[in-house]
């Protein structure tokens, strides 16, 4: 009898739902028993190269080797690790990124009254950010891989911070200048994800990658929470201009810390211990000397790369709709006033921040326990697709605000598992070009956000919210199929 395809990287048929649940439970229960000094996950292609590798005895786990040698990881290293500083600084950068982005969604209300803007002009101002944001997605990855993530991320934060602080001045000079300032701000924020991905691929070992990325991306969630929470009070007490001046100035202080404490690679850090440097270099990719040549043909010819691009589009369609149209849904369908809808709009961000880090911990625990990276990435992203699809399918049947808000929180909470699936996969398959690859896929993701917002407006003009959710659900299901058929956790481009 012909065997079904091995979609989950286990060397056999895809596990059933019970197998997945048992795997998660096993990983969670054994997390505290993982001994980092005697076990270290490596890719299966290295099994034949080392006599110290002993495959797991289970036939279903035969592609999950562990090291049986006396090699000690991080030998003699205690206290604060230098890589934790990099992760923490990236977390703060992403927090500032979303603080500077969401403040306009609050400030636009008094600004439109002050300058007499109609709804069409308001939409133009809101969209102008994405004009610049789209331009630097791929370029940011190329620059990061060529010049180093430190330089590019530092440049991006300083660039968008100055553009944020300039926003009130630009608004006073006229609408065209304001639109240009917002687009310029988008250019700076566009390099953030590719540059951060470049840094993570060089600083964070594989078994720490999921939770490190989850922590960094949760900085965006925290930034949205802070931005949406602080902006109304600042506007009432000090005027709408204050949110741009204060939030923009924070980036300057971050830049000074970044210049002092960060380095593009561990090899560039003169204060790092040799134990930590050796540990990091054993499971990360380090920069090659000389100019970086991007293998465009190889990248664009691999189905695994296109799986990331397609799934990033499917993921962001639903995510951007939820995040940009949520207050409107609360107001139109649930009858909430502006202040109440604003408060409830923060709740899904809090849920995402929590579940992203829980998912990252689960994923890294499973890798440390010997599960293949392919299995972990596919499982986490499947949750990140099917979870939101389920909760969105229940929205139309909700008759109370409480039920609808809980569905929104559930959808966004499950969506955050994508940080340990799709968003971690760039570094798995092409660590040396992870910045460029993230730029490519995030371009598709931004397009999904723009097109999804436009499509939602068109649907609501001629249809209902149920149709809006159905489109998102279909794309989540398409993403689930594509991801499980074509993605991998193995390195395919060196």
Foldseek 3Di string as FASTA:
>chain_A
DDFDDDLQPQQGDDDDPVVVVVLLVVLVVCLVVQDQQAWDWDFQVCQVVDPQWDADPDSSQRRFIIGHDRHGALPPDDDDALLVVLLVLLLLLLLLLQLLLCLCVVLVVVLCVVVVPDPVLSVLLNCLLVLQLLVCLLVLLQCCLFVFLLVLLLVLLLFLLVLLLCQVVQVVVHSVSNSVSSSSNSNSSNNSLLSSLLQCLQRPFPLQNQLSLLSSNLSNLNSNLCNLVVSVVCCVPPNSSVSSNVSSVVSVVSSVVSVVRDDRHPVPDPPGDPSSNVNSVVGHDDRDPDGDDDPVVVLVVALQLVLLQLLLLLLLLVVLCCLVCQLVCCCPPQVDDNVVSSVLSSLLSVLLSVLSNVLSSSLSSSSSVRRFLSNSQLVLVLQLLVQLLVLLLCQVVDDHPVSNSVSSSRNSNSNSSNSSHSVSQLSQAAVSSSSSSSSSSVSSSVVSSVVSVVVVVVCVVPHDVNVSSVVSSVSSVVSSVSSSNRHGRHHNHD
